[in-house]
Amino acid sequence: MESVRNKVTILLVDDQSIVLDGIQAIMELEPDLQVVGRATNGPDALDRVRALEPDIVLMDINMPGMDGLEVTRAVLKADPATRVLVLSSYGNKEFVLELLDVGARGYLLKTSSKDELIGALRTVASGGRYIARELRALIEPGDRYKDRQGEDGYSVLTKREVEVVKLILQERTNQEIAAALFISPPTVETHRKNIMHKLDVRNTAGLVKYAMQRGWDLKS
């Protein structure tokens, strides 16, 4: 029997067991790939990364406990040798760019074929980067900052802007947000405008959709 050390070891992370079962069944048919563990949330994934030291973490971004961006940062801090490959239902431009900017080695959609998944895993394992065919235009230099003319770098939400978003989702007014964060109402309004611009959304409904796709708890 071939040693696990001669294979690419993979940790699967998704909050849906049926998805984990399906991916694991695919992996079992590939002699060079070995699923060494599974996790259904961010904290659980981190524990398994520390214990198993997998070559690749194949991970959804919408999970309870921690969202995919937080988990990616934490995984790379816990084990810099581990590579993160995202497998998501969402092709949101912000998600793709954020994950790549913090160190993910690839981004696949759950509509990807079995062959594309296997190819992506092998590419990432060999040190390359893989982006789903449908998403490649998002990271081309000419399109990466589309609709953000004059910008020379991708700007994700700051910690303060995330706090503002979560308070907006609780239907707080600018005055209430200002009081909660010890800032002025005009500063809150500036944060709102910057957030809308960064996420390419026009209203609170757009923010709610973004937050739900990220897996944020809208009540917290």
Protein backbone atom coordinates (compact mmCIF):
# COMPACT_ATOMS: atom_id res chain seq x y z
CA MET A 1 0.00 0.00 0.00
CA GLU A 2 1.36 3.42 -1.00
CA SER A 3 2.46 5.60 1.89
CA VAL A 4 0.43 8.74 2.61
CA ARG A 5 3.75 10.61 2.56
CA ASN A 6 4.00 9.88 -1.18
CA LYS A 7 0.60 11.45 -1.81
CA VAL A 8 -0.81 14.95 -1.73
CA THR A 9 -2.62 15.16 1.61
CA ILE A 10 -5.88 17.09 1.69
CA LEU A 11 -8.11 18.44 4.45
CA LEU A 12 -11.71 18.99 3.34
CA VAL A 13 -13.64 21.86 4.96
CA ASP A 14 -17.35 22.43 4.31
CA ASP A 15 -20.39 22.71 6.55
CA GLN A 16 -22.40 20.28 4.38
CA SER A 17 -21.67 16.60 4.92
CA ILE A 18 -23.07 15.62 1.52
CA VAL A 19 -20.51 17.89 -0.15
CA LEU A 20 -17.69 16.39 1.90
CA ASP A 21 -18.85 12.88 1.04
CA GLY A 22 -18.96 13.66 -2.68
CA ILE A 23 -15.51 15.23 -2.79
CA GLN A 24 -13.99 12.44 -0.73
CA ALA A 25 -15.48 9.86 -3.09
CA ILE A 26 -13.78 11.64 -6.01
CA MET A 27 -10.44 11.76 -4.18
CA GLU A 28 -10.54 8.04 -3.43
CA LEU A 29 -10.29 7.33 -7.17
CA GLU A 30 -7.04 9.30 -7.52
CA PRO A 31 -3.89 7.39 -6.50
CA ASP A 32 -1.85 10.54 -5.83
CA LEU A 33 -4.42 12.29 -3.61
CA GLN A 34 -5.28 11.40 -0.01
CA VAL A 35 -8.01 12.92 2.17
CA VAL A 36 -6.54 12.93 5.67
CA GLY A 37 -9.33 14.77 7.49
CA ARG A 38 -12.58 16.69 7.35
CA ALA A 39 -13.96 19.72 9.17
CA THR A 40 -17.30 21.49 9.15
CA ASN A 41 -16.36 24.90 10.57
CA GLY A 42 -13.43 27.28 10.86
CA PRO A 43 -12.19 26.51 14.40
CA ASP A 44 -12.42 22.77 13.72
CA ALA A 45 -10.45 23.24 10.50
CA LEU A 46 -7.66 25.06 12.34
CA ASP A 47 -7.39 22.28 14.91
CA ARG A 48 -7.05 19.71 12.13
CA VAL A 49 -4.49 21.77 10.22
CA ARG A 50 -2.30 21.90 13.33
CA ALA A 51 -2.71 18.18 14.00
CA LEU A 52 -2.52 16.84 10.43
CA GLU A 53 -0.33 19.38 8.58
CA PRO A 54 -2.05 18.71 5.24
CA ASP A 55 -0.51 19.80 1.93
CA ILE A 56 -3.79 21.42 0.86
CA VAL A 57 -6.90 22.70 2.60
CA LEU A 58 -9.85 22.51 0.19
CA MET A 59 -12.34 24.89 1.77
CA ASP A 60 -15.68 26.61 1.35
CA ILE A 61 -15.88 30.29 2.38
CA ASN A 62 -19.37 30.22 3.86
CA MET A 63 -19.06 28.41 7.20
CA PRO A 64 -20.14 28.89 10.81
CA GLY A 65 -17.65 30.11 13.38
CA MET A 66 -15.23 31.91 11.04
CA ASP A 67 -15.61 32.95 7.42
CA GLY A 68 -13.26 31.71 4.73
CA LEU A 69 -11.10 34.82 4.76
CA GLU A 70 -10.45 34.51 8.49
CA VAL A 71 -9.78 30.79 8.20
CA THR A 72 -7.34 31.30 5.33
CA ARG A 73 -5.34 33.85 7.30
CA ALA A 74 -5.33 31.61 10.37
CA VAL A 75 -4.38 28.47 8.43
CA LEU A 76 -1.42 30.17 6.77
CA LYS A 77 -0.30 31.54 10.12
CA ALA A 78 -0.63 28.14 11.80
CA ASP A 79 1.15 26.28 8.99
CA PRO A 80 2.69 28.44 6.22
CA ALA A 81 3.51 25.30 4.20
CA THR A 82 -0.17 24.43 3.81
CA ARG A 83 -1.84 25.71 0.63
CA VAL A 84 -5.47 26.85 0.62
CA LEU A 85 -7.72 26.11 -2.35
CA VAL A 86 -11.18 27.65 -2.09
CA LEU A 87 -14.24 25.78 -3.39
CA SER A 88 -17.27 28.05 -3.27
CA SER A 89 -20.75 28.52 -4.67
CA TYR A 90 -20.03 32.23 -5.09
CA GLY A 91 -18.01 33.88 -7.83
CA ASN A 92 -18.19 37.31 -6.21
CA LYS A 93 -15.26 39.46 -7.38
CA GLU A 94 -14.56 40.68 -3.85
CA PHE A 95 -14.34 37.13 -2.49
CA VAL A 96 -11.91 36.03 -5.19
CA LEU A 97 -9.61 39.03 -4.82
CA GLU A 98 -9.72 39.03 -1.02
CA LEU A 99 -8.84 35.35 -0.78
CA LEU A 100 -6.00 35.63 -3.28
CA ASP A 101 -4.66 38.73 -1.57
CA VAL A 102 -4.40 36.98 1.82
CA GLY A 103 -2.62 33.97 0.35
CA ALA A 104 -5.10 31.43 -1.06
CA ARG A 105 -3.52 29.50 -3.93
CA GLY A 106 -6.68 28.99 -5.90
CA TYR A 107 -10.41 29.55 -6.22
CA LEU A 108 -12.88 27.06 -7.71
CA LEU A 109 -16.64 27.13 -8.10
CA LYS A 110 -18.82 24.24 -6.95
CA THR A 111 -20.06 24.06 -10.53
CA SER A 112 -16.54 23.07 -11.63
CA SER A 113 -16.13 19.64 -13.18
CA LYS A 114 -14.45 16.71 -11.46
CA ASP A 115 -11.55 16.98 -13.89
CA GLU A 116 -11.08 20.68 -13.15
CA LEU A 117 -11.09 19.99 -9.41
CA ILE A 118 -8.45 17.29 -9.74
CA GLY A 119 -6.36 19.46 -12.03
CA ALA A 120 -6.60 22.39 -9.63
CA LEU A 121 -5.46 20.26 -6.70
CA ARG A 122 -2.46 18.98 -8.62
CA THR A 123 -1.56 22.47 -9.83
CA VAL A 124 -1.71 23.91 -6.31
CA ALA A 125 0.19 20.93 -4.88
CA SER A 126 3.02 21.56 -7.34
CA GLY A 127 3.30 25.19 -6.24
CA GLY A 128 1.11 26.82 -8.87
CA ARG A 129 -2.07 28.84 -8.64
CA TYR A 130 -5.43 27.86 -10.12
CA ILE A 131 -8.49 30.01 -10.79
CA ALA A 132 -11.75 28.61 -12.11
CA ARG A 133 -12.11 29.19 -15.84
CA GLU A 134 -15.20 31.35 -15.36
CA LEU A 135 -13.36 33.64 -12.92
CA ARG A 136 -10.02 34.21 -14.64
CA ALA A 137 -11.02 37.58 -16.11
CA LEU A 138 -11.43 38.92 -12.57
CA ILE A 139 -7.72 38.77 -11.88
CA GLU A 140 -6.49 40.02 -15.24
CA PRO A 141 -4.69 43.36 -14.81
CA GLY A 142 -7.21 45.13 -17.02
CA ASP A 143 -10.22 43.86 -15.09
CA ARG A 144 -8.95 43.47 -11.53
CA TYR A 145 -10.02 46.98 -10.51
CA LYS A 146 -12.86 47.44 -12.95
CA ASP A 147 -15.32 50.13 -11.81
CA ARG A 148 -12.64 51.49 -9.46
CA GLN A 149 -10.92 53.88 -11.85
CA GLY A 150 -7.79 55.53 -10.56
CA GLU A 151 -7.07 52.82 -7.98
CA ASP A 152 -3.77 50.99 -8.16
CA GLY A 153 -4.45 48.35 -5.52
CA TYR A 154 -7.32 46.19 -4.35
CA SER A 155 -8.74 47.42 -1.07
CA VAL A 156 -10.64 45.01 1.20
CA LEU A 157 -12.76 46.10 4.12
CA THR A 158 -10.88 47.33 7.15
CA LYS A 159 -11.67 46.00 10.61
CA ARG A 160 -13.60 49.21 11.35
CA GLU A 161 -15.59 48.90 8.11
CA VAL A 162 -16.56 45.33 9.01
CA GLU A 163 -17.82 46.62 12.36
CA VAL A 164 -19.86 49.27 10.58
CA VAL A 165 -21.32 46.71 8.15
CA LYS A 166 -22.42 44.44 10.98
CA LEU A 167 -24.11 47.34 12.76
CA ILE A 168 -25.83 48.43 9.54
CA LEU A 169 -27.16 44.89 9.22
CA GLN A 170 -28.64 45.26 12.70
CA GLU A 171 -30.60 48.24 11.29
CA ARG A 172 -28.71 50.75 13.43
CA THR A 173 -28.87 54.42 12.43
CA ASN A 174 -25.74 56.45 11.76
CA GLN A 175 -26.15 58.05 15.19
CA GLU A 176 -26.44 54.67 16.90
CA ILE A 177 -23.42 53.30 15.01
CA ALA A 178 -21.42 56.40 15.93
CA ALA A 179 -22.28 55.98 19.61
CA ALA A 180 -21.44 52.26 19.56
CA LEU A 181 -18.04 52.81 17.92
CA PHE A 182 -17.20 56.13 19.60
CA ILE A 183 -16.92 57.99 16.30
CA SER A 184 -18.86 60.86 14.75
CA PRO A 185 -21.97 60.42 12.53
CA PRO A 186 -20.16 62.05 9.56
CA THR A 187 -17.38 59.46 9.96
CA VAL A 188 -19.99 56.71 9.88
CA GLU A 189 -21.40 58.17 6.66
CA THR A 190 -17.90 58.21 5.15
CA HIS A 191 -17.44 54.57 6.12
CA ARG A 192 -20.78 53.72 4.50
CA LYS A 193 -19.76 55.33 1.22
CA ASN A 194 -16.37 53.62 1.22
CA ILE A 195 -17.95 50.24 1.99
CA MET A 196 -20.49 50.56 -0.83
CA HIS A 197 -17.70 51.55 -3.21
CA LYS A 198 -15.40 48.70 -2.23
CA LEU A 199 -18.10 46.05 -2.47
CA ASP A 200 -19.79 47.47 -5.58
CA VAL A 201 -23.20 47.48 -3.86
CA ARG A 202 -25.79 50.24 -3.87
CA ASN A 203 -27.92 49.65 -0.81
CA THR A 204 -28.40 47.69 2.41
CA ALA A 205 -29.90 44.76 0.50
CA GLY A 206 -26.58 44.41 -1.32
CA LEU A 207 -24.73 44.43 1.99
CA VAL A 208 -27.06 41.74 3.37
CA LYS A 209 -26.42 39.53 0.33
CA TYR A 210 -22.66 40.03 0.70
CA ALA A 211 -22.74 39.22 4.42
CA MET A 212 -24.85 36.09 3.90
CA GLN A 213 -22.49 34.81 1.22
CA ARG A 214 -19.55 35.41 3.56
CA GLY A 215 -21.33 33.40 6.26
CA TRP A 216 -21.50 36.28 8.73
CA ASP A 217 -23.97 36.01 11.61
CA LEU A 218 -26.36 38.85 10.87
CA LYS A 219 -27.53 38.94 14.50
CA SER A 220 -24.09 39.42 16.06
